[in-house]
Amino acid sequence: MTDRLNYLPLYVVVAYLAFGVIVSIAGPLEYDRYNKLPVIIFTGSFAGVFSMGYILGAKAPFTVSNKYSEASLTRFLTQIFNWSIVLSALVTTFLFVDAITTTGLSLNIFKSGAAYFNTYDGYVRNSGSYSMKFIISSFGSVPGFITSVWGVYYFKSLSFSHKLLVIYTIVGTLIVFTIGGGKQKQFGDFVIYFASLFAISRASKDQLTFGFIIKIFSLLLLAIMVLLTLLSLRYQEIGVDIKNLNGVIHPLIYFNENHIIPNLLGDNIGFAVTMLSGYFGQGYYGLSLALEQPFTWTAFSGSSYSVSVILNQFFGLPFMVEDSYPYLVADNTGWDHTKWHTGFAWLASDLTFPGTVLLGGGIGYLYAKLWREAILLQNPLSILLFCLLSVGAAYMPANNQLMHSPGALFSLFTIVYLYFWLRGVVNYYALRRKNLITSPTPARMTAK
């Protein structure tokens, strides 16, 4: 594998982090008392340690083990996939029925803004009241994720009925949440999955050409256009536009009306792009405020809102997330914890900021191993976890996405467990098929 392919994810992540910091500094939204230098130093340090970890992971030997037979392994993974397809289709059907019978499912995307605000009308966080829809969709996140990723990647080899169920799950999810509910997350997740899968597929065939890269960028531009549309409709619903933005925006944010973006793109598109820039930049402003707060340890539960809720409501432990950096920032500055706070600030609540930088090295190491296992060995578990970590990286400027909601938390723990349990076995048989390992082989050995 060429270095161009081996280090592609590293280039993307580092460039993405740099892009977010640049947008926060030079974008059309300006922030009150934004201390930029500490943000640049921290983000640069994280990117540097992440890069070192990635380089080590890109050169590390594959972990292999022959503790299970190939037949039993194949049977187990097939069962996981089959059950995931069935369960995700059932969950999608439930969500359809629930949406139709409770709020009425509108297929008019121009009403998605109103649908978004209706969804959260009367909602109180950590109230202890959870609807059946919330519970089912949370637990259904795991089979839904597996169906979406494996279903797309192995689509050509699926039976006709399985293909229909995969399409039904993906399209149904978009109809219920994105069109009917005005939410951007599900659409954004699918875009990240598909871009990651396309990259893995082409890289595994050494076909990562300039033409393919153009296709990926076209897909991302299309996704951004959809996100801009949803944003515009959401703000239009509450009567916010570029002319009154400074009157209704957060008191710590100022919209620079003379910035090149609104002047170049016009009021409508310029407004949508301006608000989208907030998704990339506001979290770094929150990070700057967090870097000024005293450290208050949250006992490994403050980095995840859902973990704190579970420990508080089911085990009676203190609600430790209230001592996390985003909550401290809210108490001391007025930048609320519900605003964007990079995933760094959430993780630092448990690990400190230096500890979060060191964690970046471990994440980079794992990310590189997943990429190599996915494209060289076609390890299906590596493909799953690579897509999941890609989602985490994409949302890093805004929040700790992989540990925020119960569904995301269940998915993370389940996929990480499956990967570390079975990755060596999958790698072993992949290497043996390539005649790079001959039987018998001692269990838990490593092979380059």
Protein backbone atom coordinates (compact mmCIF):
# COMPACT_ATOMS: atom_id res chain seq x y z
CA MET A 1 0.00 0.00 0.00
CA THR A 2 1.37 3.42 -0.94
CA ASP A 3 1.92 6.16 1.63
CA ARG A 4 -0.72 8.20 -0.19
CA LEU A 5 -3.33 5.64 0.77
CA ASN A 6 -1.85 4.67 4.11
CA TYR A 7 -1.96 8.20 5.51
CA LEU A 8 -5.08 9.51 3.77
CA PRO A 9 -7.29 9.51 6.92
CA LEU A 10 -4.55 11.32 8.83
CA TYR A 11 -4.44 14.11 6.24
CA VAL A 12 -8.22 14.44 6.33
CA VAL A 13 -8.48 14.64 10.14
CA VAL A 14 -5.63 17.15 10.56
CA ALA A 15 -6.95 19.33 7.72
CA TYR A 16 -10.45 19.20 9.23
CA LEU A 17 -9.22 20.31 12.65
CA ALA A 18 -7.25 23.16 11.07
CA PHE A 19 -10.31 24.18 9.02
CA GLY A 20 -12.47 24.43 12.14
CA VAL A 21 -9.99 26.63 13.96
CA ILE A 22 -9.61 28.88 10.90
CA VAL A 23 -13.39 29.25 10.57
CA SER A 24 -13.67 30.16 14.26
CA ILE A 25 -11.05 32.89 13.78
CA ALA A 26 -11.79 34.23 10.29
CA GLY A 27 -15.44 33.28 9.76
CA PRO A 28 -18.42 35.66 9.58
CA LEU A 29 -19.30 35.00 13.24
CA GLU A 30 -17.10 36.70 15.81
CA TYR A 31 -16.94 35.81 19.50
CA ASP A 32 -16.64 38.00 22.56
CA ARG A 33 -13.24 37.76 24.30
CA TYR A 34 -12.20 34.80 22.18
CA ASN A 35 -8.71 33.82 23.35
CA LYS A 36 -7.44 32.24 20.16
CA LEU A 37 -3.83 31.40 21.01
CA PRO A 38 -4.58 28.69 23.63
CA VAL A 39 -7.02 27.10 21.18
CA ILE A 40 -4.39 27.05 18.43
CA ILE A 41 -1.79 25.59 20.81
CA PHE A 42 -4.13 22.91 22.18
CA THR A 43 -5.58 21.87 18.82
CA GLY A 44 -2.12 21.84 17.26
CA SER A 45 -0.82 19.69 20.13
CA PHE A 46 -3.71 17.26 19.75
CA ALA A 47 -3.18 17.07 15.98
CA GLY A 48 0.55 16.50 16.49
CA VAL A 49 0.13 13.68 19.03
CA PHE A 50 -2.70 12.19 16.94
CA SER A 51 -0.33 12.20 13.95
CA MET A 52 2.43 10.46 15.91
CA GLY A 53 -0.01 7.80 17.07
CA TYR A 54 -1.31 7.36 13.54
CA ILE A 55 2.20 6.93 12.12
CA LEU A 56 2.94 4.23 14.70
CA GLY A 57 -0.37 2.51 13.96
CA ALA A 58 0.29 2.62 10.22
CA LYS A 59 3.50 0.65 10.78
CA ALA A 60 2.26 -1.70 13.50
CA PRO A 61 1.87 -5.45 12.82
CA PHE A 62 -1.58 -6.95 12.49
CA THR A 63 -2.96 -8.67 15.57
CA VAL A 64 -4.04 -12.23 14.77
CA SER A 65 -5.52 -15.16 16.66
CA ASN A 66 -6.85 -18.59 15.64
CA LYS A 67 -8.92 -19.30 18.73
CA TYR A 68 -12.09 -19.80 16.64
CA SER A 69 -12.61 -21.73 13.43
CA GLU A 70 -13.35 -19.82 10.25
CA ALA A 71 -16.72 -21.53 9.91
CA SER A 72 -17.87 -20.52 13.41
CA LEU A 73 -16.60 -16.97 12.89
CA THR A 74 -18.40 -16.60 9.57
CA ARG A 75 -21.59 -18.04 11.04
CA PHE A 76 -21.49 -15.66 14.01
CA LEU A 77 -20.88 -12.52 11.94
CA THR A 78 -23.60 -13.55 9.48
CA GLN A 79 -26.05 -13.97 12.36
CA ILE A 80 -25.18 -10.52 13.68
CA PHE A 81 -25.84 -9.01 10.27
CA ASN A 82 -29.09 -10.92 9.69
CA TRP A 83 -30.48 -10.02 13.10
CA SER A 84 -29.41 -6.40 12.64
CA ILE A 85 -31.28 -6.15 9.34
CA VAL A 86 -34.47 -7.59 10.84
CA LEU A 87 -34.32 -5.48 14.01
CA SER A 88 -33.51 -2.26 12.18
CA ALA A 89 -36.43 -2.83 9.79
CA LEU A 90 -38.76 -3.38 12.78
CA VAL A 91 -37.47 -0.24 14.51
CA THR A 92 -37.92 1.77 11.31
CA THR A 93 -41.50 0.51 11.01
CA PHE A 94 -42.21 1.47 14.62
CA LEU A 95 -40.82 4.96 14.03
CA PHE A 96 -42.98 5.33 10.93
CA VAL A 97 -46.14 4.31 12.79
CA ASP A 98 -45.28 6.47 15.81
CA ALA A 99 -44.64 9.53 13.65
CA ILE A 100 -47.87 9.08 11.70
CA THR A 101 -50.06 8.48 14.76
CA THR A 102 -48.60 11.12 17.08
CA THR A 103 -47.49 14.19 15.14
CA GLY A 104 -48.36 13.23 11.59
CA LEU A 105 -45.51 12.43 9.25
CA SER A 106 -45.03 15.20 6.72
CA LEU A 107 -43.07 14.43 3.56
CA ASN A 108 -42.77 18.13 2.77
CA ILE A 109 -39.18 19.15 3.47
CA PHE A 110 -40.25 22.80 3.56
CA LYS A 111 -42.14 22.02 6.78
CA SER A 112 -39.14 20.35 8.40
CA GLY A 113 -38.25 23.51 10.32
CA ALA A 114 -41.63 23.55 12.08
CA ALA A 115 -41.37 19.80 12.69
CA TYR A 116 -37.99 20.26 14.39
CA PHE A 117 -39.30 22.74 16.93
CA ASN A 118 -42.46 20.68 17.53
CA THR A 119 -40.27 17.67 18.35
CA TYR A 120 -38.63 19.47 21.27
CA ASP A 121 -41.70 21.33 22.46
CA GLY A 122 -41.96 20.74 26.23
CA TYR A 123 -38.86 18.53 26.33
CA VAL A 124 -36.87 18.70 29.59
CA ARG A 125 -33.41 17.12 29.71
CA ASN A 126 -32.81 14.48 32.40
CA SER A 127 -36.43 14.66 33.51
CA GLY A 128 -36.58 10.90 34.02
CA SER A 129 -39.43 10.64 31.51
CA TYR A 130 -38.57 8.57 28.45
CA SER A 131 -41.00 7.80 25.67
CA MET A 132 -41.27 4.41 24.02
CA LYS A 133 -39.95 6.01 20.85
CA PHE A 134 -36.84 7.25 22.67
CA ILE A 135 -36.15 3.84 24.23
CA ILE A 136 -36.68 1.84 21.04
CA SER A 137 -34.72 4.24 18.84
CA SER A 138 -31.86 4.27 21.37
CA PHE A 139 -31.51 0.50 21.55
CA GLY A 140 -32.19 0.28 17.84
CA SER A 141 -29.13 2.40 17.08
CA VAL A 142 -26.79 -0.59 17.17
CA PRO A 143 -28.60 -2.79 14.61
CA GLY A 144 -29.37 0.32 12.56
CA PHE A 145 -25.70 1.26 12.40
CA ILE A 146 -24.59 -2.26 11.48
CA THR A 147 -27.30 -2.50 8.81
CA SER A 148 -26.37 0.87 7.32
CA VAL A 149 -22.62 0.20 7.14
CA TRP A 150 -22.46 -3.49 6.25
CA GLY A 151 -25.62 -3.24 4.18
CA VAL A 152 -24.12 -0.60 1.92
CA TYR A 153 -20.62 -2.06 1.77
CA TYR A 154 -21.77 -5.59 0.94
CA PHE A 155 -24.89 -4.51 -0.95
CA LYS A 156 -24.04 -6.24 -4.24
CA SER A 157 -23.68 -9.64 -2.56
CA LEU A 158 -26.93 -9.44 -0.56
CA SER A 159 -30.10 -11.31 -1.38
CA PHE A 160 -32.95 -9.34 -2.92
CA SER A 161 -34.95 -9.33 0.34
CA HIS A 162 -31.94 -8.10 2.33
CA LYS A 163 -31.32 -5.34 -0.19
CA LEU A 164 -34.90 -4.16 0.21
CA LEU A 165 -34.61 -4.12 4.01
CA VAL A 166 -31.36 -2.16 3.89
CA ILE A 167 -32.88 0.43 1.55
CA TYR A 168 -36.03 0.53 3.70
CA THR A 169 -33.99 1.18 6.86
CA ILE A 170 -31.88 3.97 5.37
CA VAL A 171 -34.64 5.74 3.45
CA GLY A 172 -37.09 5.28 6.31
CA THR A 173 -34.69 6.80 8.80
CA LEU A 174 -34.19 9.85 6.59
CA ILE A 175 -37.92 10.28 6.08
CA VAL A 176 -38.73 10.06 9.79
CA PHE A 177 -35.87 12.10 11.22
CA THR A 178 -34.60 14.39 8.46
CA ILE A 179 -37.68 15.20 6.37
CA GLY A 180 -40.37 14.54 8.98
CA GLY A 181 -38.39 15.75 12.01
CA GLY A 182 -36.07 18.39 10.57
CA LYS A 183 -32.99 16.80 12.18
CA GLN A 184 -29.62 16.98 10.51
CA LYS A 185 -27.73 14.33 12.47
CA GLN A 186 -29.07 11.21 10.75
CA PHE A 187 -28.43 12.67 7.31
CA GLY A 188 -24.94 13.77 8.33
CA ASP A 189 -24.18 10.32 9.76
CA PHE A 190 -25.13 8.59 6.52
CA VAL A 191 -22.96 10.95 4.51
CA ILE A 192 -19.97 10.12 6.74
CA TYR A 193 -20.67 6.38 6.53
CA PHE A 194 -20.95 6.42 2.75
CA ALA A 195 -17.89 8.60 2.20
CA SER A 196 -15.84 6.32 4.48
CA LEU A 197 -17.12 3.18 2.77
CA PHE A 198 -16.45 4.52 -0.72
CA ALA A 199 -12.91 5.43 0.33
CA ILE A 200 -12.32 1.96 1.83
CA SER A 201 -13.73 0.22 -1.22
CA ARG A 202 -11.65 2.15 -3.72
CA ALA A 203 -8.49 2.10 -1.62
CA SER A 204 -8.75 -1.68 -1.19
CA LYS A 205 -8.61 -1.96 -5.00
CA ASP A 206 -5.90 0.71 -5.26
CA GLN A 207 -8.34 2.82 -7.28
CA LEU A 208 -8.32 5.99 -5.21
CA THR A 209 -8.03 8.17 -8.30
CA PHE A 210 -8.51 11.89 -8.84
CA GLY A 211 -11.88 11.17 -10.44
CA PHE A 212 -13.01 9.30 -7.34
CA ILE A 213 -11.93 12.18 -5.12
CA ILE A 214 -14.03 14.51 -7.28
CA LYS A 215 -17.01 12.22 -6.73
CA ILE A 216 -16.47 12.29 -2.95
CA PHE A 217 -16.29 16.08 -2.95
CA SER A 218 -19.44 16.22 -5.08
CA LEU A 219 -21.20 14.01 -2.53
CA LEU A 220 -20.04 16.24 0.30
CA LEU A 221 -21.13 19.40 -1.55
CA LEU A 222 -24.56 17.88 -2.11
CA ALA A 223 -24.73 17.00 1.58
CA ILE A 224 -23.78 20.55 2.54
CA MET A 225 -26.51 21.92 0.27
CA VAL A 226 -29.08 19.72 2.05
CA LEU A 227 -27.77 20.84 5.45
CA LEU A 228 -27.95 24.47 4.36
CA THR A 229 -31.55 23.96 3.26
CA LEU A 230 -32.50 22.41 6.59
CA LEU A 231 -30.75 25.21 8.47
CA SER A 232 -32.51 27.90 6.47
CA LEU A 233 -35.90 26.29 7.02
CA ARG A 234 -35.22 25.92 10.74
CA TYR A 235 -34.34 29.61 11.21
CA GLN A 236 -37.06 30.72 8.84
CA GLU A 237 -39.55 29.02 11.14
CA ILE A 238 -38.59 31.32 14.03
CA GLY A 239 -38.29 34.43 11.89
CA VAL A 240 -34.50 34.76 11.87
CA ASP A 241 -32.67 35.98 8.77
CA ILE A 242 -29.50 37.86 7.89
CA LYS A 243 -31.09 41.27 8.46
CA ASN A 244 -32.05 40.68 12.10
CA LEU A 245 -29.32 38.18 13.00
CA ASN A 246 -27.36 40.48 15.31
CA GLY A 247 -30.55 41.28 17.20
CA VAL A 248 -31.43 37.68 18.00
CA ILE A 249 -28.09 35.86 18.01
CA HIS A 250 -26.37 34.85 21.25
CA PRO A 251 -25.07 37.92 23.18
CA LEU A 252 -21.52 36.54 23.05
CA ILE A 253 -21.61 36.25 19.24
CA TYR A 254 -21.44 39.06 16.70
CA PHE A 255 -22.26 38.70 13.00
CA ASN A 256 -19.84 40.62 10.81
CA GLU A 257 -22.13 42.06 8.15
CA ASN A 258 -19.15 43.23 6.10
CA HIS A 259 -17.64 39.75 5.84
CA ILE A 260 -16.97 38.44 2.34
CA ILE A 261 -19.39 35.51 2.66
CA PRO A 262 -22.71 37.42 2.87
CA ASN A 263 -21.45 40.00 0.38
CA LEU A 264 -20.35 37.33 -2.09
CA LEU A 265 -23.21 34.85 -1.75
CA GLY A 266 -26.15 37.14 -1.12
CA ASP A 267 -28.56 37.29 1.80
CA ASN A 268 -30.22 33.87 1.59
CA ILE A 269 -27.25 31.63 0.82
CA GLY A 270 -24.91 33.87 2.80
CA PHE A 271 -27.13 33.53 5.86
CA ALA A 272 -27.23 29.73 5.62
CA VAL A 273 -23.45 29.50 5.14
CA THR A 274 -22.93 31.88 8.07
CA MET A 275 -25.01 29.73 10.37
CA LEU A 276 -23.30 26.59 9.13
CA SER A 277 -19.94 28.18 9.95
CA GLY A 278 -21.14 28.27 13.52
CA TYR A 279 -21.24 24.48 13.54
CA PHE A 280 -17.52 24.44 12.78
CA GLY A 281 -16.40 27.43 14.82
CA GLN A 282 -18.57 27.83 17.92
CA GLY A 283 -17.15 24.74 19.61
CA TYR A 284 -13.65 26.20 19.49
CA TYR A 285 -14.94 29.33 21.17
CA GLY A 286 -16.38 27.09 23.88
CA LEU A 287 -12.98 25.38 24.06
CA SER A 288 -11.26 28.71 24.64
CA LEU A 289 -13.59 29.42 27.56
CA ALA A 290 -13.08 25.90 28.96
CA LEU A 291 -9.30 26.33 28.89
CA GLU A 292 -9.74 29.24 31.33
CA GLN A 293 -11.74 27.21 33.89
CA PRO A 294 -10.34 25.37 36.92
CA PHE A 295 -10.24 21.59 36.57
CA THR A 296 -12.94 19.71 38.51
CA TRP A 297 -12.67 15.96 38.09
CA THR A 298 -15.88 14.22 37.08
CA ALA A 299 -14.96 10.62 37.96
CA PHE A 300 -14.99 9.33 34.38
CA SER A 301 -18.65 10.20 33.89
CA GLY A 302 -18.58 13.91 33.05
CA SER A 303 -17.37 13.41 29.49
CA SER A 304 -20.66 11.74 28.61
CA TYR A 305 -24.05 13.22 29.36
CA SER A 306 -25.70 9.81 28.98
CA VAL A 307 -23.28 8.06 31.36
CA SER A 308 -23.99 10.70 34.00
CA VAL A 309 -27.74 10.26 33.52
CA ILE A 310 -27.51 6.47 33.81
CA LEU A 311 -25.36 6.62 36.97
CA ASN A 312 -27.60 9.29 38.48
CA GLN A 313 -31.04 7.88 37.74
CA PHE A 314 -30.37 4.16 38.03
CA PHE A 315 -27.61 4.04 40.66
CA GLY A 316 -28.26 7.20 42.65
CA LEU A 317 -24.79 8.64 42.07
CA PRO A 318 -24.15 12.39 41.76
CA PHE A 319 -24.95 13.97 38.39
CA MET A 320 -21.26 14.49 37.63
CA VAL A 321 -21.73 16.08 34.22
CA GLU A 322 -22.69 19.28 36.05
CA ASP A 323 -19.02 19.60 37.05
CA SER A 324 -17.79 19.16 33.48
CA TYR A 325 -16.06 21.95 31.58
CA PRO A 326 -19.13 22.86 29.45
CA TYR A 327 -21.23 23.28 32.60
CA LEU A 328 -18.49 25.30 34.34
CA VAL A 329 -18.27 27.53 31.27
CA ALA A 330 -22.05 28.02 31.39
CA ASP A 331 -21.94 29.02 35.07
CA ASN A 332 -19.04 31.43 34.69
CA THR A 333 -19.43 32.98 31.25
CA GLY A 334 -22.99 32.62 29.98
CA TRP A 335 -21.97 30.28 27.13
CA ASP A 336 -24.45 27.52 27.97
CA HIS A 337 -23.55 23.83 28.08
CA THR A 338 -26.15 23.23 25.36
CA LYS A 339 -24.06 25.35 22.98
CA TRP A 340 -21.22 23.85 20.99
CA HIS A 341 -18.24 22.70 23.05
CA THR A 342 -15.67 20.63 21.16
CA GLY A 343 -15.37 16.99 22.15
CA PHE A 344 -12.02 17.99 23.65
CA ALA A 345 -13.67 19.96 26.46
CA TRP A 346 -15.99 17.07 27.30
CA LEU A 347 -13.16 14.53 27.39
CA ALA A 348 -10.93 16.85 29.42
CA SER A 349 -13.54 16.85 32.20
CA ASP A 350 -12.42 13.30 32.95
CA LEU A 351 -8.90 13.24 31.56
CA THR A 352 -7.64 16.86 31.89
CA PHE A 353 -6.55 18.74 28.77
CA PRO A 354 -3.03 17.21 28.74
CA GLY A 355 -4.64 13.78 29.17
CA THR A 356 -6.93 14.47 26.23
CA VAL A 357 -3.91 15.30 24.06
CA LEU A 358 -2.32 11.97 25.04
CA LEU A 359 -5.59 10.18 24.28
CA GLY A 360 -5.32 11.64 20.78
CA GLY A 361 -2.23 9.50 20.24
CA GLY A 362 -4.14 6.35 21.14
CA ILE A 363 -7.04 7.31 18.90
CA GLY A 364 -4.65 8.01 16.02
CA TYR A 365 -2.95 4.64 16.53
CA LEU A 366 -6.28 2.79 16.46
CA TYR A 367 -7.58 4.82 13.49
CA ALA A 368 -4.54 3.84 11.43
CA LYS A 369 -4.87 0.15 12.31
CA LEU A 370 -8.58 0.19 11.43
CA TRP A 371 -7.87 1.79 8.06
CA ARG A 372 -5.16 -0.75 7.18
CA GLU A 373 -7.23 -3.72 8.35
CA ALA A 374 -10.22 -2.43 6.40
CA ILE A 375 -8.46 -1.89 3.07
CA LEU A 376 -5.81 -4.64 3.19
CA LEU A 377 -7.71 -7.41 5.00
CA GLN A 378 -11.33 -6.35 4.43
CA ASN A 379 -12.00 -6.88 8.13
CA PRO A 380 -15.75 -6.16 8.54
CA LEU A 381 -15.31 -5.22 12.21
CA SER A 382 -12.59 -2.72 11.31
CA ILE A 383 -14.91 -1.24 8.69
CA LEU A 384 -17.61 -0.76 11.33
CA LEU A 385 -15.35 0.88 13.89
CA PHE A 386 -13.58 3.02 11.30
CA CYS A 387 -16.93 4.47 10.19
CA LEU A 388 -17.95 5.05 13.81
CA LEU A 389 -14.71 6.86 14.69
CA SER A 390 -15.08 8.90 11.50
CA VAL A 391 -18.43 10.12 12.82
CA GLY A 392 -16.75 11.05 16.10
CA ALA A 393 -14.04 12.96 14.24
CA ALA A 394 -16.59 14.80 12.09
CA TYR A 395 -18.54 15.99 15.13
CA MET A 396 -15.46 16.76 17.24
CA PRO A 397 -15.74 20.56 16.65
CA ALA A 398 -19.25 20.50 18.13
CA ASN A 399 -19.49 17.85 20.86
CA ASN A 400 -18.54 14.41 22.14
CA GLN A 401 -20.98 12.81 19.71
CA LEU A 402 -20.04 9.16 20.23
CA MET A 403 -20.77 9.34 23.96
CA HIS A 404 -23.53 11.92 24.10
CA SER A 405 -26.80 10.12 23.40
CA PRO A 406 -27.73 6.65 24.72
CA GLY A 407 -27.94 5.27 21.18
CA ALA A 408 -24.47 6.51 20.28
CA LEU A 409 -23.09 5.19 23.58
CA PHE A 410 -24.60 1.72 23.03
CA SER A 411 -23.22 1.64 19.50
CA LEU A 412 -19.73 2.65 20.62
CA PHE A 413 -19.49 0.09 23.42
CA THR A 414 -20.96 -2.71 21.29
CA ILE A 415 -18.75 -2.16 18.24
CA VAL A 416 -15.59 -1.61 20.32
CA TYR A 417 -16.29 -4.84 22.23
CA LEU A 418 -16.91 -6.85 19.05
CA TYR A 419 -13.79 -5.43 17.42
CA PHE A 420 -11.36 -6.19 20.24
CA TRP A 421 -12.93 -9.61 20.81
CA LEU A 422 -12.79 -10.83 17.23
CA ARG A 423 -10.45 -8.61 15.23
CA GLY A 424 -7.51 -11.00 15.58
CA VAL A 425 -9.51 -13.96 14.34
CA VAL A 426 -10.82 -12.08 11.30
CA ASN A 427 -7.30 -10.83 10.53
CA TYR A 428 -5.89 -14.33 10.87
CA TYR A 429 -8.12 -15.93 8.25
CA ALA A 430 -7.75 -12.93 5.94
CA LEU A 431 -3.97 -13.24 6.09
CA ARG A 432 -4.17 -16.99 5.62
CA ARG A 433 -6.25 -16.55 2.48
CA LYS A 434 -3.49 -14.28 1.20
CA ASN A 435 -0.95 -17.03 2.00
CA LEU A 436 0.76 -14.74 4.49
CA ILE A 437 0.06 -17.13 7.37
CA THR A 438 0.17 -20.89 7.25
CA SER A 439 -1.52 -23.22 9.73
CA PRO A 440 -1.03 -24.12 12.44
CA THR A 441 -0.34 -20.73 13.98
CA PRO A 442 -0.01 -19.98 17.71
CA ALA A 443 -2.94 -18.00 19.03
CA ARG A 444 -2.59 -14.28 19.72
CA MET A 445 0.53 -13.84 17.62
CA THR A 446 1.26 -10.84 15.41
CA ALA A 447 1.98 -10.78 11.71
CA LYS A 448 3.03 -7.96 9.43
